[in-house]
């Protein structure tokens, strides 16, 4: 879902860029945090949310990738 920043890239970034990258979850590799494979497309699950930053969650919501979760119908199919 997001490209991780390398140590070399980090050295060339401004403080503002570093804060933004951290908010986006793009410093996880450099900081030694566990990295999770968040799909780049499709609906996301509650499990995905537990591994996402607030910034990533807002982006996913704005892109409509949380619609099923927010409606409460993920994995339920069509109810009649």
PDB file of N, CA and C in Angstrom:
ATOM      1  N   UNK A   1       0.825  -1.201   0.000  1.00  0.00           N
ATOM      2  CA  UNK A   1       0.000   0.000   0.000  1.00  0.00           C
ATOM      3  C   UNK A   1       0.865   1.258   0.000  1.00  0.00           C
ATOM      4  N   UNK A   2       2.059   1.135   0.536  1.00  0.00           N
ATOM      5  CA  UNK A   2       2.941   2.292   0.534  1.00  0.00           C
ATOM      6  C   UNK A   2       4.380   1.851   0.374  1.00  0.00           C
ATOM      7  N   UNK A   3       5.130   2.662  -0.300  1.00  0.00           N
ATOM      8  CA  UNK A   3       6.534   2.369  -0.545  1.00  0.00           C
ATOM      9  C   UNK A   3       7.353   2.788   0.671  1.00  0.00           C
ATOM     10  N   UNK A   4       8.149   1.880   1.182  1.00  0.00           N
ATOM     11  CA  UNK A   4       8.969   2.165   2.353  1.00  0.00           C
ATOM     12  C   UNK A   4      10.163   3.046   1.988  1.00  0.00           C
ATOM     13  N   UNK A   5      10.498   3.928   2.905  1.00  0.00           N
ATOM     14  CA  UNK A   5      11.646   4.825   2.752  1.00  0.00           C
ATOM     15  C   UNK A   5      12.902   4.054   3.158  1.00  0.00           C
ATOM     16  N   UNK A   6      13.969   4.211   2.399  1.00  0.00           N
ATOM     17  CA  UNK A   6      15.241   3.584   2.741  1.00  0.00           C
ATOM     18  C   UNK A   6      16.054   4.530   3.618  1.00  0.00           C
ATOM     19  N   UNK A   7      17.106   4.007   4.241  1.00  0.00           N
ATOM     20  CA  UNK A   7      17.976   4.851   5.059  1.00  0.00           C
ATOM     21  C   UNK A   7      18.630   5.939   4.217  1.00  0.00           C
ATOM     22  N   UNK A   8      19.005   5.608   2.998  1.00  0.00           N
ATOM     23  CA  UNK A   8      19.617   6.601   2.104  1.00  0.00           C
ATOM     24  C   UNK A   8      18.636   7.721   1.777  1.00  0.00           C
ATOM     25  N   UNK A   9      17.396   7.368   1.501  1.00  0.00           N
ATOM     26  CA  UNK A   9      16.381   8.383   1.211  1.00  0.00           C
ATOM     27  C   UNK A   9      16.118   9.240   2.443  1.00  0.00           C
ATOM     28  N   UNK A  10      16.110   8.621   3.598  1.00  0.00           N
ATOM     29  CA  UNK A  10      15.852   9.335   4.848  1.00  0.00           C
ATOM     30  C   UNK A  10      16.873  10.441   5.073  1.00  0.00           C
ATOM     31  N   UNK A  11      18.113  10.198   4.702  1.00  0.00           N
ATOM     32  CA  UNK A  11      19.191  11.174   4.895  1.00  0.00           C
ATOM     33  C   UNK A  11      18.971  12.452   4.079  1.00  0.00           C
ATOM     34  N   UNK A  12      18.199  12.362   3.013  1.00  0.00           N
ATOM     35  CA  UNK A  12      18.000  13.520   2.138  1.00  0.00           C
ATOM     36  C   UNK A  12      16.681  14.243   2.388  1.00  0.00           C
ATOM     37  N   UNK A  13      15.903  13.754   3.365  1.00  0.00           N
ATOM     38  CA  UNK A  13      14.568  14.306   3.591  1.00  0.00           C
ATOM     39  C   UNK A  13      14.575  15.433   4.611  1.00  0.00           C
ATOM     40  N   UNK A  14      13.634  16.342   4.443  1.00  0.00           N
ATOM     41  CA  UNK A  14      13.456  17.421   5.412  1.00  0.00           C
ATOM     42  C   UNK A  14      12.677  16.880   6.615  1.00  0.00           C
ATOM     43  N   UNK A  15      12.746  17.577   7.745  1.00  0.00           N
ATOM     44  CA  UNK A  15      11.952  17.133   8.902  1.00  0.00           C
ATOM     45  C   UNK A  15      10.465  16.984   8.570  1.00  0.00           C
ATOM     46  N   UNK A  16       9.929  17.909   7.800  1.00  0.00           N
ATOM     47  CA  UNK A  16       8.514  17.827   7.406  1.00  0.00           C
ATOM     48  C   UNK A  16       8.248  16.558   6.609  1.00  0.00           C
ATOM     49  N   UNK A  17       9.119  16.226   5.671  1.00  0.00           N
ATOM     50  CA  UNK A  17       8.950  15.027   4.858  1.00  0.00           C
ATOM     51  C   UNK A  17       9.039  13.761   5.719  1.00  0.00           C
ATOM     52  N   UNK A  18       9.912  13.792   6.722  1.00  0.00           N
ATOM     53  CA  UNK A  18      10.063  12.640   7.614  1.00  0.00           C
ATOM     54  C   UNK A  18       8.790  12.427   8.421  1.00  0.00           C
ATOM     55  N   UNK A  19       8.238  13.511   8.960  1.00  0.00           N
ATOM     56  CA  UNK A  19       6.995  13.398   9.728  1.00  0.00           C
ATOM     57  C   UNK A  19       5.877  12.872   8.836  1.00  0.00           C
ATOM     58  N   UNK A  20       5.786  13.389   7.636  1.00  0.00           N
ATOM     59  CA  UNK A  20       4.749  12.935   6.712  1.00  0.00           C
ATOM     60  C   UNK A  20       4.923  11.453   6.390  1.00  0.00           C
ATOM     61  N   UNK A  21       6.148  11.034   6.126  1.00  0.00           N
ATOM     62  CA  UNK A  21       6.412   9.623   5.824  1.00  0.00           C
ATOM     63  C   UNK A  21       6.057   8.734   7.012  1.00  0.00           C
ATOM     64  N   UNK A  22       6.337   9.213   8.212  1.00  0.00           N
ATOM     65  CA  UNK A  22       5.997   8.436   9.403  1.00  0.00           C
ATOM     66  C   UNK A  22       4.484   8.296   9.532  1.00  0.00           C
ATOM     67  N   UNK A  23       3.753   9.388   9.315  1.00  0.00           N
ATOM     68  CA  UNK A  23       2.292   9.347   9.382  1.00  0.00           C
ATOM     69  C   UNK A  23       1.715   8.392   8.347  1.00  0.00           C
ATOM     70  N   UNK A  24       2.375   8.276   7.219  1.00  0.00           N
ATOM     71  CA  UNK A  24       1.913   7.403   6.137  1.00  0.00           C
ATOM     72  C   UNK A  24       2.355   5.956   6.332  1.00  0.00           C
ATOM     73  N   UNK A  25       3.147   5.699   7.382  1.00  0.00           N
ATOM     74  CA  UNK A  25       3.624   4.345   7.634  1.00  0.00           C
ATOM     75  C   UNK A  25       4.760   3.929   6.732  1.00  0.00           C
ATOM     76  N   UNK A  26       5.457   4.904   6.144  1.00  0.00           N
ATOM     77  CA  UNK A  26       6.514   4.604   5.188  1.00  0.00           C
ATOM     78  C   UNK A  26       7.892   4.484   5.828  1.00  0.00           C
ATOM     79  N   UNK A  27       7.974   4.605   7.168  1.00  0.00           N
ATOM     80  CA  UNK A  27       9.252   4.465   7.869  1.00  0.00           C
ATOM     81  C   UNK A  27       9.334   3.163   8.657  1.00  0.00           C
ATOM     82  N   UNK A  28       8.355   2.298   8.513  1.00  0.00           N
ATOM     83  CA  UNK A  28       8.325   1.064   9.301  1.00  0.00           C
ATOM     84  C   UNK A  28       9.603   0.242   9.125  1.00  0.00           C
ATOM     85  N   UNK A  29      10.069   0.072   7.912  1.00  0.00           N
ATOM     86  CA  UNK A  29      11.263  -0.743   7.664  1.00  0.00           C
ATOM     87  C   UNK A  29      12.487  -0.138   8.346  1.00  0.00           C
ATOM     88  N   UNK A  30      12.676   1.166   8.212  1.00  0.00           N
ATOM     89  CA  UNK A  30      13.834   1.846   8.812  1.00  0.00           C
ATOM     90  C   UNK A  30      13.773   1.794  10.330  1.00  0.00           C
ATOM     91  N   UNK A  31      12.570   1.887  10.887  1.00  0.00           N
ATOM     92  CA  UNK A  31      12.401   1.881  12.335  1.00  0.00           C
ATOM     93  C   UNK A  31      12.355   0.470  12.919  1.00  0.00           C
ATOM     94  N   UNK A  32      12.436  -0.540  12.066  1.00  0.00           N
ATOM     95  CA  UNK A  32      12.435  -1.918  12.535  1.00  0.00           C
ATOM     96  C   UNK A  32      11.074  -2.423  12.974  1.00  0.00           C
ATOM     97  N   UNK A  33      10.040  -1.752  12.539  1.00  0.00           N
ATOM     98  CA  UNK A  33       8.685  -2.194  12.873  1.00  0.00           C
ATOM     99  C   UNK A  33       8.272  -3.322  11.938  1.00  0.00           C
ATOM    100  N   UNK A  34       7.369  -4.176  12.414  1.00  0.00           N
ATOM    101  CA  UNK A  34       6.877  -5.235  11.526  1.00  0.00           C
ATOM    102  C   UNK A  34       6.153  -4.632  10.329  1.00  0.00           C
ATOM    103  N   UNK A  35       6.339  -5.243   9.189  1.00  0.00           N
ATOM    104  CA  UNK A  35       5.675  -4.754   7.981  1.00  0.00           C
ATOM    105  C   UNK A  35       4.613  -5.760   7.571  1.00  0.00           C
ATOM    106  N   UNK A  36       3.466  -5.261   7.213  1.00  0.00           N
ATOM    107  CA  UNK A  36       2.345  -6.099   6.837  1.00  0.00           C
ATOM    108  C   UNK A  36       1.969  -5.829   5.396  1.00  0.00           C
ATOM    109  N   UNK A  37       1.557  -6.868   4.723  1.00  0.00           N
ATOM    110  CA  UNK A  37       1.169  -6.749   3.322  1.00  0.00           C
ATOM    111  C   UNK A  37      -0.278  -6.291   3.242  1.00  0.00           C
ATOM    112  N   UNK A  38      -0.455  -5.003   3.023  1.00  0.00           N
ATOM    113  CA  UNK A  38      -1.786  -4.439   2.853  1.00  0.00           C
ATOM    114  C   UNK A  38      -2.050  -4.386   1.348  1.00  0.00           C
ATOM    115  N   UNK A  39      -3.092  -5.065   0.866  1.00  0.00           N
ATOM    116  CA  UNK A  39      -3.353  -5.073  -0.576  1.00  0.00           C
ATOM    117  C   UNK A  39      -3.525  -3.659  -1.138  1.00  0.00           C
ATOM    118  N   UNK A  40      -3.049  -3.469  -2.349  1.00  0.00           N
ATOM    119  CA  UNK A  40      -3.139  -2.155  -2.996  1.00  0.00           C
ATOM    120  C   UNK A  40      -4.526  -1.889  -3.577  1.00  0.00           C
ATOM    121  N   UNK A  41      -5.317  -2.927  -3.746  1.00  0.00           N
ATOM    122  CA  UNK A  41      -6.654  -2.769  -4.329  1.00  0.00           C
ATOM    123  C   UNK A  41      -7.657  -3.615  -3.570  1.00  0.00           C
ATOM    124  N   UNK A  42      -8.916  -3.311  -3.756  1.00  0.00           N
ATOM    125  CA  UNK A  42      -9.993  -4.103  -3.177  1.00  0.00           C
ATOM    126  C   UNK A  42     -10.368  -3.658  -1.773  1.00  0.00           C
ATOM    127  N   UNK A  43     -11.379  -4.314  -1.248  1.00  0.00           N
ATOM    128  CA  UNK A  43     -11.877  -3.995   0.090  1.00  0.00           C
ATOM    129  C   UNK A  43     -10.907  -4.502   1.150  1.00  0.00           C
ATOM    130  N   UNK A  44     -10.823  -3.760   2.235  1.00  0.00           N
ATOM    131  CA  UNK A  44      -9.944  -4.127   3.339  1.00  0.00           C
ATOM    132  C   UNK A  44     -10.765  -4.671   4.498  1.00  0.00           C
ATOM    133  N   UNK A  45     -10.122  -5.488   5.298  1.00  0.00           N
ATOM    134  CA  UNK A  45     -10.805  -6.119   6.427  1.00  0.00           C
ATOM    135  C   UNK A  45     -10.410  -5.437   7.737  1.00  0.00           C
ATOM    136  N   UNK A  46     -11.082  -5.833   8.787  1.00  0.00           N
ATOM    137  CA  UNK A  46     -10.759  -5.314  10.112  1.00  0.00           C
ATOM    138  C   UNK A  46      -9.322  -5.682  10.488  1.00  0.00           C
ATOM    139  N   UNK A  47      -8.889  -6.863  10.075  1.00  0.00           N
ATOM    140  CA  UNK A  47      -7.504  -7.296  10.331  1.00  0.00           C
ATOM    141  C   UNK A  47      -6.508  -6.339   9.672  1.00  0.00           C
ATOM    142  N   UNK A  48      -6.794  -5.916   8.444  1.00  0.00           N
ATOM    143  CA  UNK A  48      -5.911  -4.963   7.777  1.00  0.00           C
ATOM    144  C   UNK A  48      -5.801  -3.672   8.583  1.00  0.00           C
ATOM    145  N   UNK A  49      -6.931  -3.208   9.111  1.00  0.00           N
ATOM    146  CA  UNK A  49      -6.942  -1.950   9.855  1.00  0.00           C
ATOM    147  C   UNK A  49      -6.006  -1.969  11.053  1.00  0.00           C
ATOM    148  N   UNK A  50      -5.870  -3.129  11.682  1.00  0.00           N
ATOM    149  CA  UNK A  50      -5.021  -3.207  12.870  1.00  0.00           C
ATOM    150  C   UNK A  50      -3.552  -2.975  12.549  1.00  0.00           C
ATOM    151  N   UNK A  51      -3.192  -3.067  11.270  1.00  0.00           N
ATOM    152  CA  UNK A  51      -1.801  -2.891  10.860  1.00  0.00           C
ATOM    153  C   UNK A  51      -1.585  -1.617  10.043  1.00  0.00           C
ATOM    154  N   UNK A  52      -2.574  -0.747  10.036  1.00  0.00           N
ATOM    155  CA  UNK A  52      -2.487   0.470   9.225  1.00  0.00           C
ATOM    156  C   UNK A  52      -2.372   1.706  10.108  1.00  0.00           C
ATOM    157  N   UNK A  53      -1.717   2.728   9.564  1.00  0.00           N
ATOM    158  CA  UNK A  53      -1.638   4.005  10.261  1.00  0.00           C
ATOM    159  C   UNK A  53      -2.957   4.752  10.075  1.00  0.00           C
ATOM    160  N   UNK A  54      -3.222   5.730  10.933  1.00  0.00           N
ATOM    161  CA  UNK A  54      -4.430   6.542  10.729  1.00  0.00           C
ATOM    162  C   UNK A  54      -4.477   7.161   9.333  1.00  0.00           C
ATOM    163  N   UNK A  55      -3.353   7.596   8.829  1.00  0.00           N
ATOM    164  CA  UNK A  55      -3.293   8.197   7.490  1.00  0.00           C
ATOM    165  C   UNK A  55      -3.715   7.178   6.438  1.00  0.00           C
ATOM    166  N   UNK A  56      -3.216   5.947   6.549  1.00  0.00           N
ATOM    167  CA  UNK A  56      -3.574   4.908   5.593  1.00  0.00           C
ATOM    168  C   UNK A  56      -5.064   4.572   5.669  1.00  0.00           C
ATOM    169  N   UNK A  57      -5.610   4.581   6.870  1.00  0.00           N
ATOM    170  CA  UNK A  57      -7.037   4.285   7.043  1.00  0.00           C
ATOM    171  C   UNK A  57      -7.889   5.364   6.385  1.00  0.00           C
ATOM    172  N   UNK A  58      -7.520   6.611   6.564  1.00  0.00           N
ATOM    173  CA  UNK A  58      -8.263   7.711   5.934  1.00  0.00           C
ATOM    174  C   UNK A  58      -8.181   7.603   4.413  1.00  0.00           C
ATOM    175  N   UNK A  59      -6.984   7.302   3.897  1.00  0.00           N
ATOM    176  CA  UNK A  59      -6.835   7.136   2.449  1.00  0.00           C
ATOM    177  C   UNK A  59      -7.725   6.003   1.933  1.00  0.00           C
ATOM    178  N   UNK A  60      -7.732   4.890   2.665  1.00  0.00           N
ATOM    179  CA  UNK A  60      -8.553   3.742   2.254  1.00  0.00           C
ATOM    180  C   UNK A  60     -10.037   4.092   2.302  1.00  0.00           C
ATOM    181  N   UNK A  61     -10.448   4.815   3.331  1.00  0.00           N
ATOM    182  CA  UNK A  61     -11.856   5.214   3.436  1.00  0.00           C
ATOM    183  C   UNK A  61     -12.231   6.125   2.271  1.00  0.00           C
ATOM    184  N   UNK A  62     -11.376   7.100   1.990  1.00  0.00           N
ATOM    185  CA  UNK A  62     -11.652   8.037   0.900  1.00  0.00           C
ATOM    186  C   UNK A  62     -11.711   7.342  -0.456  1.00  0.00           C
ATOM    187  N   UNK A  63     -10.959   6.253  -0.600  1.00  0.00           N
ATOM    188  CA  UNK A  63     -10.935   5.501  -1.852  1.00  0.00           C
ATOM    189  C   UNK A  63     -12.075   4.482  -1.929  1.00  0.00           C
ATOM    190  N   UNK A  64     -12.901   4.405  -0.878  1.00  0.00           N
ATOM    191  CA  UNK A  64     -14.020   3.478  -0.880  1.00  0.00           C
ATOM    192  C   UNK A  64     -13.632   2.049  -0.539  1.00  0.00           C
ATOM    193  N   UNK A  65     -12.419   1.858  -0.007  1.00  0.00           N
ATOM    194  CA  UNK A  65     -11.928   0.508   0.267  1.00  0.00           C
ATOM    195  C   UNK A  65     -12.373  -0.025   1.622  1.00  0.00           C
ATOM    196  N   UNK A  66     -13.143   0.773   2.357  1.00  0.00           N
ATOM    197  CA  UNK A  66     -13.674   0.337   3.643  1.00  0.00           C
ATOM    198  C   UNK A  66     -15.198   0.255   3.626  1.00  0.00           C
ATOM    199  N   UNK A  67     -15.785   0.419   2.453  1.00  0.00           N
ATOM    200  CA  UNK A  67     -17.242   0.474   2.349  1.00  0.00           C
ATOM    201  C   UNK A  67     -17.917  -0.752   2.952  1.00  0.00           C
ATOM    202  N   UNK A  68     -17.460  -1.941   2.600  1.00  0.00           N
ATOM    203  CA  UNK A  68     -18.090  -3.161   3.110  1.00  0.00           C
ATOM    204  C   UNK A  68     -17.929  -3.250   4.629  1.00  0.00           C
ATOM    205  N   UNK A  69     -16.759  -2.925   5.121  1.00  0.00           N
ATOM    206  CA  UNK A  69     -16.508  -2.979   6.554  1.00  0.00           C
ATOM    207  C   UNK A  69     -17.388  -1.977   7.302  1.00  0.00           C
ATOM    208  N   UNK A  70     -17.498  -0.771   6.765  1.00  0.00           N
ATOM    209  CA  UNK A  70     -18.296   0.258   7.418  1.00  0.00           C
ATOM    210  C   UNK A  70     -19.793  -0.060   7.378  1.00  0.00           C
ATOM    211  N   UNK A  71     -20.218  -0.761   6.338  1.00  0.00           N
ATOM    212  CA  UNK A  71     -21.624  -1.176   6.257  1.00  0.00           C
ATOM    213  C   UNK A  71     -21.888  -2.405   7.110  1.00  0.00           C
ATOM    214  N   UNK A  72     -20.820  -3.104   7.506  1.00  0.00           N
ATOM    215  CA  UNK A  72     -20.967  -4.296   8.325  1.00  0.00           C
ATOM    216  C   UNK A  72     -21.338  -5.529   7.551  1.00  0.00           C
ATOM    217  N   UNK A  73     -21.085  -5.521   6.234  1.00  0.00           N
ATOM    218  CA  UNK A  73     -21.489  -6.681   5.443  1.00  0.00           C
ATOM    219  C   UNK A  73     -20.319  -7.401   4.791  1.00  0.00           C
ATOM    220  N   UNK A  74     -19.103  -7.229   5.318  1.00  0.00           N
ATOM    221  CA  UNK A  74     -17.964  -7.915   4.709  1.00  0.00           C
ATOM    222  C   UNK A  74     -18.109  -9.423   4.866  1.00  0.00           C
ATOM    223  N   UNK A  75     -17.966 -10.102   3.757  1.00  0.00           N
ATOM    224  CA  UNK A  75     -18.017 -11.559   3.749  1.00  0.00           C
ATOM    225  C   UNK A  75     -19.392 -12.156   3.969  1.00  0.00           C
ATOM    226  N   UNK A  76     -20.421 -11.346   4.025  1.00  0.00           N
ATOM    227  CA  UNK A  76     -21.750 -11.882   4.267  1.00  0.00           C
ATOM    228  C   UNK A  76     -22.507 -12.204   2.985  1.00  0.00           C
ATOM    229  N   UNK A  77     -22.072 -11.643   1.881  1.00  0.00           N
ATOM    230  CA  UNK A  77     -22.798 -11.867   0.643  1.00  0.00           C
ATOM    231  C   UNK A  77     -24.122 -11.110   0.663  1.00  0.00           C
ATOM    232  N   UNK A  78     -25.023 -11.511  -0.180  1.00  0.00           N
ATOM    233  CA  UNK A  78     -26.315 -10.841  -0.265  1.00  0.00           C
ATOM    234  C   UNK A  78     -27.309 -11.521   0.658  1.00  0.00           C
ATOM    235  N   UNK A  79     -27.914 -10.741   1.508  1.00  0.00           N
ATOM    236  CA  UNK A  79     -28.947 -11.261   2.400  1.00  0.00           C
ATOM    237  C   UNK A  79     -30.316 -11.002   1.793  1.00  0.00           C
ATOM    238  N   UNK A  80     -31.182 -11.985   1.850  1.00  0.00           N
ATOM    239  CA  UNK A  80     -32.529 -11.792   1.309  1.00  0.00           C
ATOM    240  C   UNK A  80     -33.558 -11.979   2.392  1.00  0.00           C
TER     241      UNK A  80
END
